[in-house]
Amino acid sequence: MYHGEAYEVWELNEEDFQSRIIEYTSWEDYLNIFKNYNVDKRYTAHGILGSMHGIVIHKNSKVSNLKYDDFHLSCDIKHIDGFIDRKIAYLIKV
């Protein structure tokens, strides 16, 4: 099962948009990262293209404005340095 992640970043009126497709065990497991976030843990995922490995959510971050359904997720993630990402994820079934 594949999940698309997208990040919208705003800082000093600059916009950046990054996206990747990751494989995760299930949509429910992916949602649980955000619903049951542990600030002492760093969550990682591997991109399906092999070169987009990375962090789903950093340690010591704060999740807010979490919204999700059977196919979508969105939330704001405030990092320890105060930087805020907006995460948008979509379930892609193959």
PDB file of N, CA and C in Angstrom:
ATOM      1  N   MET A   1       0.844  -1.161   0.000  1.00  0.00           N
ATOM      2  CA  MET A   1       0.000   0.000   0.000  1.00  0.00           C
ATOM      3  C   MET A   1       0.897   1.234   0.000  1.00  0.00           C
ATOM      4  N   TYR A   2       0.565   2.215  -0.810  1.00  0.00           N
ATOM      5  CA  TYR A   2       1.393   3.400  -0.953  1.00  0.00           C
ATOM      6  C   TYR A   2       0.664   4.627  -0.418  1.00  0.00           C
ATOM      7  N   HIS A   3       1.432   5.554   0.071  1.00  0.00           N
ATOM      8  CA  HIS A   3       0.879   6.792   0.596  1.00  0.00           C
ATOM      9  C   HIS A   3       1.670   7.949   0.018  1.00  0.00           C
ATOM     10  N   GLY A   4       0.997   8.942  -0.477  1.00  0.00           N
ATOM     11  CA  GLY A   4       1.672  10.139  -0.969  1.00  0.00           C
ATOM     12  C   GLY A   4       1.743  11.167   0.141  1.00  0.00           C
ATOM     13  N   GLU A   5       2.900  11.736   0.323  1.00  0.00           N
ATOM     14  CA  GLU A   5       3.062  12.778   1.321  1.00  0.00           C
ATOM     15  C   GLU A   5       3.369  14.081   0.604  1.00  0.00           C
ATOM     16  N   ALA A   6       2.831  15.150   1.100  1.00  0.00           N
ATOM     17  CA  ALA A   6       3.151  16.460   0.550  1.00  0.00           C
ATOM     18  C   ALA A   6       3.359  17.414   1.712  1.00  0.00           C
ATOM     19  N   TYR A   7       4.298  18.289   1.551  1.00  0.00           N
ATOM     20  CA  TYR A   7       4.577  19.282   2.580  1.00  0.00           C
ATOM     21  C   TYR A   7       4.413  20.658   1.960  1.00  0.00           C
ATOM     22  N   GLU A   8       3.659  21.519   2.598  1.00  0.00           N
ATOM     23  CA  GLU A   8       3.581  22.916   2.190  1.00  0.00           C
ATOM     24  C   GLU A   8       4.260  23.705   3.295  1.00  0.00           C
ATOM     25  N   VAL A   9       5.221  24.513   2.930  1.00  0.00           N
ATOM     26  CA  VAL A   9       6.005  25.227   3.927  1.00  0.00           C
ATOM     27  C   VAL A   9       5.899  26.723   3.672  1.00  0.00           C
ATOM     28  N   TRP A  10       5.600  27.490   4.729  1.00  0.00           N
ATOM     29  CA  TRP A  10       5.557  28.934   4.629  1.00  0.00           C
ATOM     30  C   TRP A  10       6.523  29.519   5.645  1.00  0.00           C
ATOM     31  N   GLU A  11       7.402  30.392   5.201  1.00  0.00           N
ATOM     32  CA  GLU A  11       8.276  31.120   6.109  1.00  0.00           C
ATOM     33  C   GLU A  11       8.714  32.386   5.388  1.00  0.00           C
ATOM     34  N   LEU A  12       8.518  33.529   6.019  1.00  0.00           N
ATOM     35  CA  LEU A  12       8.884  34.825   5.436  1.00  0.00           C
ATOM     36  C   LEU A  12       8.278  35.003   4.048  1.00  0.00           C
ATOM     37  N   ASN A  13       7.013  34.609   3.899  1.00  0.00           N
ATOM     38  CA  ASN A  13       6.272  34.727   2.642  1.00  0.00           C
ATOM     39  C   ASN A  13       6.875  33.934   1.494  1.00  0.00           C
ATOM     40  N   GLU A  14       7.735  32.980   1.785  1.00  0.00           N
ATOM     41  CA  GLU A  14       8.279  32.109   0.750  1.00  0.00           C
ATOM     42  C   GLU A  14       7.524  30.792   0.816  1.00  0.00           C
ATOM     43  N   GLU A  15       7.269  30.194  -0.324  1.00  0.00           N
ATOM     44  CA  GLU A  15       6.566  28.920  -0.357  1.00  0.00           C
ATOM     45  C   GLU A  15       7.458  27.853  -0.948  1.00  0.00           C
ATOM     46  N   ASP A  16       7.341  26.658  -0.409  1.00  0.00           N
ATOM     47  CA  ASP A  16       8.078  25.504  -0.889  1.00  0.00           C
ATOM     48  C   ASP A  16       7.113  24.330  -0.842  1.00  0.00           C
ATOM     49  N   PHE A  17       7.150  23.517  -1.852  1.00  0.00           N
ATOM     50  CA  PHE A  17       6.272  22.360  -1.909  1.00  0.00           C
ATOM     51  C   PHE A  17       7.130  21.152  -2.247  1.00  0.00           C
ATOM     52  N   GLN A  18       7.065  20.140  -1.418  1.00  0.00           N
ATOM     53  CA  GLN A  18       7.826  18.916  -1.646  1.00  0.00           C
ATOM     54  C   GLN A  18       6.867  17.744  -1.586  1.00  0.00           C
ATOM     55  N   SER A  19       7.105  16.744  -2.403  1.00  0.00           N
ATOM     56  CA  SER A  19       6.237  15.568  -2.352  1.00  0.00           C
ATOM     57  C   SER A  19       7.056  14.314  -2.631  1.00  0.00           C
ATOM     58  N   ARG A  20       6.531  13.207  -2.175  1.00  0.00           N
ATOM     59  CA  ARG A  20       7.133  11.901  -2.421  1.00  0.00           C
ATOM     60  C   ARG A  20       6.065  10.849  -2.217  1.00  0.00           C
ATOM     61  N   ILE A  21       6.312   9.676  -2.726  1.00  0.00           N
ATOM     62  CA  ILE A  21       5.425   8.535  -2.500  1.00  0.00           C
ATOM     63  C   ILE A  21       6.194   7.540  -1.646  1.00  0.00           C
ATOM     64  N   ILE A  22       5.585   7.165  -0.522  1.00  0.00           N
ATOM     65  CA  ILE A  22       6.219   6.219   0.385  1.00  0.00           C
ATOM     66  C   ILE A  22       5.362   4.959   0.491  1.00  0.00           C
ATOM     67  N   GLU A  23       5.982   3.875   0.900  1.00  0.00           N
ATOM     68  CA  GLU A  23       5.245   2.650   1.182  1.00  0.00           C
ATOM     69  C   GLU A  23       5.201   2.478   2.690  1.00  0.00           C
ATOM     70  N   TYR A  24       4.006   2.239   3.221  1.00  0.00           N
ATOM     71  CA  TYR A  24       3.847   2.039   4.647  1.00  0.00           C
ATOM     72  C   TYR A  24       3.009   0.791   4.860  1.00  0.00           C
ATOM     73  N   THR A  25       3.076   0.211   6.034  1.00  0.00           N
ATOM     74  CA  THR A  25       2.400  -1.066   6.289  1.00  0.00           C
ATOM     75  C   THR A  25       0.897  -0.997   6.050  1.00  0.00           C
ATOM     76  N   SER A  26       0.266   0.092   6.499  1.00  0.00           N
ATOM     77  CA  SER A  26      -1.171   0.280   6.269  1.00  0.00           C
ATOM     78  C   SER A  26      -1.509   1.750   6.506  1.00  0.00           C
ATOM     79  N   TRP A  27      -2.656   2.165   6.005  1.00  0.00           N
ATOM     80  CA  TRP A  27      -3.119   3.532   6.216  1.00  0.00           C
ATOM     81  C   TRP A  27      -3.367   3.770   7.708  1.00  0.00           C
ATOM     82  N   GLU A  28      -3.912   2.753   8.394  1.00  0.00           N
ATOM     83  CA  GLU A  28      -4.171   2.878   9.823  1.00  0.00           C
ATOM     84  C   GLU A  28      -2.876   3.079  10.605  1.00  0.00           C
ATOM     85  N   ASP A  29      -1.824   2.332  10.254  1.00  0.00           N
ATOM     86  CA  ASP A  29      -0.529   2.508  10.923  1.00  0.00           C
ATOM     87  C   ASP A  29       0.030   3.902  10.669  1.00  0.00           C
ATOM     88  N   TYR A  30      -0.132   4.386   9.448  1.00  0.00           N
ATOM     89  CA  TYR A  30       0.340   5.729   9.112  1.00  0.00           C
ATOM     90  C   TYR A  30      -0.421   6.779   9.930  1.00  0.00           C
ATOM     91  N   LEU A  31      -1.741   6.663   9.998  1.00  0.00           N
ATOM     92  CA  LEU A  31      -2.544   7.598  10.779  1.00  0.00           C
ATOM     93  C   LEU A  31      -2.145   7.579  12.251  1.00  0.00           C
ATOM     94  N   ASN A  32      -1.826   6.392  12.762  1.00  0.00           N
ATOM     95  CA  ASN A  32      -1.471   6.265  14.175  1.00  0.00           C
ATOM     96  C   ASN A  32      -0.199   7.027  14.532  1.00  0.00           C
ATOM     97  N   ILE A  33       0.677   7.248  13.562  1.00  0.00           N
ATOM     98  CA  ILE A  33       1.858   8.080  13.829  1.00  0.00           C
ATOM     99  C   ILE A  33       1.409   9.438  14.337  1.00  0.00           C
ATOM    100  N   PHE A  34       0.398   9.995  13.735  1.00  0.00           N
ATOM    101  CA  PHE A  34      -0.067  11.338  14.057  1.00  0.00           C
ATOM    102  C   PHE A  34      -1.067  11.338  15.212  1.00  0.00           C
ATOM    103  N   LYS A  35      -1.935  10.331  15.263  1.00  0.00           N
ATOM    104  CA  LYS A  35      -2.931  10.260  16.333  1.00  0.00           C
ATOM    105  C   LYS A  35      -2.277   9.952  17.679  1.00  0.00           C
ATOM    106  N   ASN A  36      -1.234   9.141  17.683  1.00  0.00           N
ATOM    107  CA  ASN A  36      -0.578   8.706  18.916  1.00  0.00           C
ATOM    108  C   ASN A  36       0.884   9.122  18.922  1.00  0.00           C
ATOM    109  N   TYR A  37       1.169  10.326  18.469  1.00  0.00           N
ATOM    110  CA  TYR A  37       2.544  10.807  18.311  1.00  0.00           C
ATOM    111  C   TYR A  37       3.322  10.772  19.622  1.00  0.00           C
ATOM    112  N   ASN A  38       4.514  10.203  19.572  1.00  0.00           N
ATOM    113  CA  ASN A  38       5.432  10.131  20.709  1.00  0.00           C
ATOM    114  C   ASN A  38       6.570  11.111  20.439  1.00  0.00           C
ATOM    115  N   VAL A  39       6.692  12.162  21.237  1.00  0.00           N
ATOM    116  CA  VAL A  39       7.683  13.211  20.986  1.00  0.00           C
ATOM    117  C   VAL A  39       9.119  12.712  21.087  1.00  0.00           C
ATOM    118  N   ASP A  40       9.333  11.568  21.717  1.00  0.00           N
ATOM    119  CA  ASP A  40      10.683  11.025  21.874  1.00  0.00           C
ATOM    120  C   ASP A  40      11.108  10.129  20.718  1.00  0.00           C
ATOM    121  N   LYS A  41      10.257   9.962  19.731  1.00  0.00           N
ATOM    122  CA  LYS A  41      10.550   9.059  18.624  1.00  0.00           C
ATOM    123  C   LYS A  41      10.579   9.822  17.301  1.00  0.00           C
ATOM    124  N   ARG A  42      11.498   9.441  16.418  1.00  0.00           N
ATOM    125  CA  ARG A  42      11.543   9.988  15.061  1.00  0.00           C
ATOM    126  C   ARG A  42      10.963   8.932  14.132  1.00  0.00           C
ATOM    127  N   TYR A  43       9.980   9.298  13.335  1.00  0.00           N
ATOM    128  CA  TYR A  43       9.305   8.371  12.431  1.00  0.00           C
ATOM    129  C   TYR A  43       9.861   8.547  11.028  1.00  0.00           C
ATOM    130  N   THR A  44      10.292   7.452  10.413  1.00  0.00           N
ATOM    131  CA  THR A  44      10.877   7.514   9.079  1.00  0.00           C
ATOM    132  C   THR A  44      10.098   6.634   8.106  1.00  0.00           C
ATOM    133  N   ALA A  45      10.336   6.853   6.822  1.00  0.00           N
ATOM    134  CA  ALA A  45       9.712   6.056   5.769  1.00  0.00           C
ATOM    135  C   ALA A  45      10.642   6.035   4.572  1.00  0.00           C
ATOM    136  N   HIS A  46      10.461   5.045   3.728  1.00  0.00           N
ATOM    137  CA  HIS A  46      11.268   4.902   2.519  1.00  0.00           C
ATOM    138  C   HIS A  46      10.414   5.202   1.299  1.00  0.00           C
ATOM    139  N   GLY A  47      10.955   6.002   0.423  1.00  0.00           N
ATOM    140  CA  GLY A  47      10.269   6.310  -0.823  1.00  0.00           C
ATOM    141  C   GLY A  47      10.284   5.109  -1.748  1.00  0.00           C
ATOM    142  N   ILE A  48       9.248   4.954  -2.560  1.00  0.00           N
ATOM    143  CA  ILE A  48       9.178   3.796  -3.438  1.00  0.00           C
ATOM    144  C   ILE A  48      10.146   3.900  -4.618  1.00  0.00           C
ATOM    145  N   LEU A  49      10.673   5.094  -4.888  1.00  0.00           N
ATOM    146  CA  LEU A  49      11.640   5.244  -5.974  1.00  0.00           C
ATOM    147  C   LEU A  49      13.057   4.940  -5.511  1.00  0.00           C
ATOM    148  N   GLY A  50      13.225   4.715  -4.206  1.00  0.00           N
ATOM    149  CA  GLY A  50      14.521   4.330  -3.686  1.00  0.00           C
ATOM    150  C   GLY A  50      15.393   5.476  -3.228  1.00  0.00           C
ATOM    151  N   SER A  51      15.103   6.695  -3.658  1.00  0.00           N
ATOM    152  CA  SER A  51      15.974   7.808  -3.314  1.00  0.00           C
ATOM    153  C   SER A  51      15.296   8.848  -2.422  1.00  0.00           C
ATOM    154  N   MET A  52      14.076   8.622  -2.023  1.00  0.00           N
ATOM    155  CA  MET A  52      13.332   9.614  -1.245  1.00  0.00           C
ATOM    156  C   MET A  52      13.106   9.158   0.193  1.00  0.00           C
ATOM    157  N   HIS A  53      14.153   8.583   0.797  1.00  0.00           N
ATOM    158  CA  HIS A  53      14.061   8.177   2.193  1.00  0.00           C
ATOM    159  C   HIS A  53      14.007   9.428   3.046  1.00  0.00           C
ATOM    160  N   GLY A  54      13.286   9.360   4.136  1.00  0.00           N
ATOM    161  CA  GLY A  54      13.249  10.545   4.969  1.00  0.00           C
ATOM    162  C   GLY A  54      12.391  10.383   6.191  1.00  0.00           C
ATOM    163  N   ILE A  55      12.216  11.485   6.843  1.00  0.00           N
ATOM    164  CA  ILE A  55      11.509  11.524   8.115  1.00  0.00           C
ATOM    165  C   ILE A  55      10.051  11.905   7.876  1.00  0.00           C
ATOM    166  N   VAL A  56       9.154  11.124   8.432  1.00  0.00           N
ATOM    167  CA  VAL A  56       7.732  11.440   8.374  1.00  0.00           C
ATOM    168  C   VAL A  56       7.432  12.554   9.367  1.00  0.00           C
ATOM    169  N   ILE A  57       7.992  12.437  10.572  1.00  0.00           N
ATOM    170  CA  ILE A  57       7.845  13.478  11.586  1.00  0.00           C
ATOM    171  C   ILE A  57       9.050  13.412  12.524  1.00  0.00           C
ATOM    172  N   HIS A  58       9.616  14.569  12.822  1.00  0.00           N
ATOM    173  CA  HIS A  58      10.805  14.659  13.664  1.00  0.00           C
ATOM    174  C   HIS A  58      10.464  14.473  15.143  1.00  0.00           C
ATOM    175  N   LYS A  59      11.497  14.135  15.916  1.00  0.00           N
ATOM    176  CA  LYS A  59      11.358  14.103  17.366  1.00  0.00           C
ATOM    177  C   LYS A  59      11.050  15.507  17.871  1.00  0.00           C
ATOM    178  N   ASN A  60      10.414  15.568  19.021  1.00  0.00           N
ATOM    179  CA  ASN A  60      10.153  16.827  19.720  1.00  0.00           C
ATOM    180  C   ASN A  60       9.346  17.833  18.912  1.00  0.00           C
ATOM    181  N   SER A  61       8.486  17.340  18.044  1.00  0.00           N
ATOM    182  CA  SER A  61       7.598  18.208  17.274  1.00  0.00           C
ATOM    183  C   SER A  61       6.217  18.199  17.921  1.00  0.00           C
ATOM    184  N   LYS A  62       5.387  19.127  17.494  1.00  0.00           N
ATOM    185  CA  LYS A  62       4.013  19.188  17.997  1.00  0.00           C
ATOM    186  C   LYS A  62       3.053  19.105  16.821  1.00  0.00           C
ATOM    187  N   VAL A  63       2.113  18.173  16.890  1.00  0.00           N
ATOM    188  CA  VAL A  63       1.108  17.990  15.845  1.00  0.00           C
ATOM    189  C   VAL A  63      -0.158  18.742  16.257  1.00  0.00           C
ATOM    190  N   SER A  64      -0.688  19.551  15.336  1.00  0.00           N
ATOM    191  CA  SER A  64      -1.941  20.259  15.612  1.00  0.00           C
ATOM    192  C   SER A  64      -2.801  20.279  14.355  1.00  0.00           C
ATOM    193  N   ASN A  65      -4.041  20.643  14.518  1.00  0.00           N
ATOM    194  CA  ASN A  65      -5.007  20.737  13.405  1.00  0.00           C
ATOM    195  C   ASN A  65      -5.090  19.435  12.611  1.00  0.00           C
ATOM    196  N   LEU A  66      -5.010  18.303  13.310  1.00  0.00           N
ATOM    197  CA  LEU A  66      -5.045  16.997  12.646  1.00  0.00           C
ATOM    198  C   LEU A  66      -6.449  16.694  12.136  1.00  0.00           C
ATOM    199  N   LYS A  67      -6.527  16.414  10.842  1.00  0.00           N
ATOM    200  CA  LYS A  67      -7.774  16.013  10.195  1.00  0.00           C
ATOM    201  C   LYS A  67      -7.460  14.830   9.298  1.00  0.00           C
ATOM    202  N   TYR A  68      -8.342  13.826   9.299  1.00  0.00           N
ATOM    203  CA  TYR A  68      -8.110  12.660   8.454  1.00  0.00           C
ATOM    204  C   TYR A  68      -9.417  11.934   8.194  1.00  0.00           C
ATOM    205  N   ASP A  69      -9.404  11.150   7.139  1.00  0.00           N
ATOM    206  CA  ASP A  69     -10.511  10.262   6.833  1.00  0.00           C
ATOM    207  C   ASP A  69      -9.913   8.990   6.249  1.00  0.00           C
ATOM    208  N   ASP A  70     -10.683   8.242   5.489  1.00  0.00           N
ATOM    209  CA  ASP A  70     -10.199   6.968   4.955  1.00  0.00           C
ATOM    210  C   ASP A  70      -9.148   7.119   3.858  1.00  0.00           C
ATOM    211  N   PHE A  71      -8.949   8.324   3.332  1.00  0.00           N
ATOM    212  CA  PHE A  71      -8.025   8.523   2.219  1.00  0.00           C
ATOM    213  C   PHE A  71      -7.125   9.750   2.338  1.00  0.00           C
ATOM    214  N   HIS A  72      -7.381  10.652   3.290  1.00  0.00           N
ATOM    215  CA  HIS A  72      -6.651  11.919   3.386  1.00  0.00           C
ATOM    216  C   HIS A  72      -6.179  12.175   4.813  1.00  0.00           C
ATOM    217  N   LEU A  73      -5.093  12.917   4.926  1.00  0.00           N
ATOM    218  CA  LEU A  73      -4.615  13.397   6.220  1.00  0.00           C
ATOM    219  C   LEU A  73      -4.050  14.787   6.020  1.00  0.00           C
ATOM    220  N   SER A  74      -4.305  15.671   6.958  1.00  0.00           N
ATOM    221  CA  SER A  74      -3.646  16.975   6.963  1.00  0.00           C
ATOM    222  C   SER A  74      -3.415  17.375   8.410  1.00  0.00           C
ATOM    223  N   CYS A  75      -2.315  18.081   8.644  1.00  0.00           N
ATOM    224  CA  CYS A  75      -2.013  18.591   9.971  1.00  0.00           C
ATOM    225  C   CYS A  75      -0.888  19.611   9.870  1.00  0.00           C
ATOM    226  N   ASP A  76      -0.701  20.345  10.950  1.00  0.00           N
ATOM    227  CA  ASP A  76       0.434  21.247  11.074  1.00  0.00           C
ATOM    228  C   ASP A  76       1.427  20.597  12.017  1.00  0.00           C
ATOM    229  N   ILE A  77       2.701  20.713  11.703  1.00  0.00           N
ATOM    230  CA  ILE A  77       3.759  20.159  12.535  1.00  0.00           C
ATOM    231  C   ILE A  77       4.708  21.285  12.902  1.00  0.00           C
ATOM    232  N   LYS A  78       4.771  21.568  14.198  1.00  0.00           N
ATOM    233  CA  LYS A  78       5.681  22.605  14.681  1.00  0.00           C
ATOM    234  C   LYS A  78       6.948  21.929  15.203  1.00  0.00           C
ATOM    235  N   HIS A  79       8.078  22.268  14.598  1.00  0.00           N
ATOM    236  CA  HIS A  79       9.362  21.683  14.980  1.00  0.00           C
ATOM    237  C   HIS A  79       9.904  22.385  16.222  1.00  0.00           C
ATOM    238  N   ILE A  80      10.892  21.778  16.839  1.00  0.00           N
ATOM    239  CA  ILE A  80      11.466  22.294  18.077  1.00  0.00           C
ATOM    240  C   ILE A  80      12.028  23.715  17.901  1.00  0.00           C
ATOM    241  N   ASP A  81      12.432  24.060  16.673  1.00  0.00           N
ATOM    242  CA  ASP A  81      12.972  25.405  16.413  1.00  0.00           C
ATOM    243  C   ASP A  81      11.881  26.426  16.075  1.00  0.00           C
ATOM    244  N   GLY A  82      10.611  26.006  16.120  1.00  0.00           N
ATOM    245  CA  GLY A  82       9.502  26.902  15.848  1.00  0.00           C
ATOM    246  C   GLY A  82       9.017  26.881  14.407  1.00  0.00           C
ATOM    247  N   PHE A  83       9.745  26.218  13.514  1.00  0.00           N
ATOM    248  CA  PHE A  83       9.366  26.125  12.108  1.00  0.00           C
ATOM    249  C   PHE A  83       8.107  25.269  11.981  1.00  0.00           C
ATOM    250  N   ILE A  84       7.161  25.674  11.152  1.00  0.00           N
ATOM    251  CA  ILE A  84       5.899  24.948  10.993  1.00  0.00           C
ATOM    252  C   ILE A  84       5.768  24.418   9.569  1.00  0.00           C
ATOM    253  N   ASP A  85       5.522  23.116   9.458  1.00  0.00           N
ATOM    254  CA  ASP A  85       5.205  22.455   8.185  1.00  0.00           C
ATOM    255  C   ASP A  85       3.718  22.146   8.181  1.00  0.00           C
ATOM    256  N   ARG A  86       3.109  22.200   7.022  1.00  0.00           N
ATOM    257  CA  ARG A  86       1.770  21.646   6.853  1.00  0.00           C
ATOM    258  C   ARG A  86       1.932  20.346   6.085  1.00  0.00           C
ATOM    259  N   LYS A  87       1.482  19.254   6.674  1.00  0.00           N
ATOM    260  CA  LYS A  87       1.595  17.949   6.030  1.00  0.00           C
ATOM    261  C   LYS A  87       0.244  17.574   5.451  1.00  0.00           C
ATOM    262  N   ILE A  88       0.274  17.114   4.214  1.00  0.00           N
ATOM    263  CA  ILE A  88      -0.907  16.625   3.520  1.00  0.00           C
ATOM    264  C   ILE A  88      -0.535  15.260   2.965  1.00  0.00           C
ATOM    265  N   ALA A  89      -1.328  14.247   3.291  1.00  0.00           N
ATOM    266  CA  ALA A  89      -1.044  12.886   2.819  1.00  0.00           C
ATOM    267  C   ALA A  89      -2.298  12.293   2.201  1.00  0.00           C
ATOM    268  N   TYR A  90      -2.095  11.460   1.204  1.00  0.00           N
ATOM    269  CA  TYR A  90      -3.183  10.816   0.489  1.00  0.00           C
ATOM    270  C   TYR A  90      -2.899   9.317   0.388  1.00  0.00           C
ATOM    271  N   LEU A  91      -3.908   8.516   0.527  1.00  0.00           N
ATOM    272  CA  LEU A  91      -3.781   7.085   0.329  1.00  0.00           C
ATOM    273  C   LEU A  91      -3.871   6.784  -1.162  1.00  0.00           C
ATOM    274  N   ILE A  92      -2.924   6.023  -1.663  1.00  0.00           N
ATOM    275  CA  ILE A  92      -2.911   5.593  -3.068  1.00  0.00           C
ATOM    276  C   ILE A  92      -2.960   4.079  -3.062  1.00  0.00           C
ATOM    277  N   LYS A  93      -4.003   3.500  -3.572  1.00  0.00           N
ATOM    278  CA  LYS A  93      -4.128   2.040  -3.610  1.00  0.00           C
ATOM    279  C   LYS A  93      -3.682   1.535  -4.976  1.00  0.00           C
ATOM    280  N   VAL A  94      -2.898   0.474  -4.955  1.00  0.00           N
ATOM    281  CA  VAL A  94      -2.450  -0.147  -6.212  1.00  0.00           C
ATOM    282  C   VAL A  94      -2.815  -1.600  -6.247  1.00  0.00           C
TER     283      VAL A  94
END
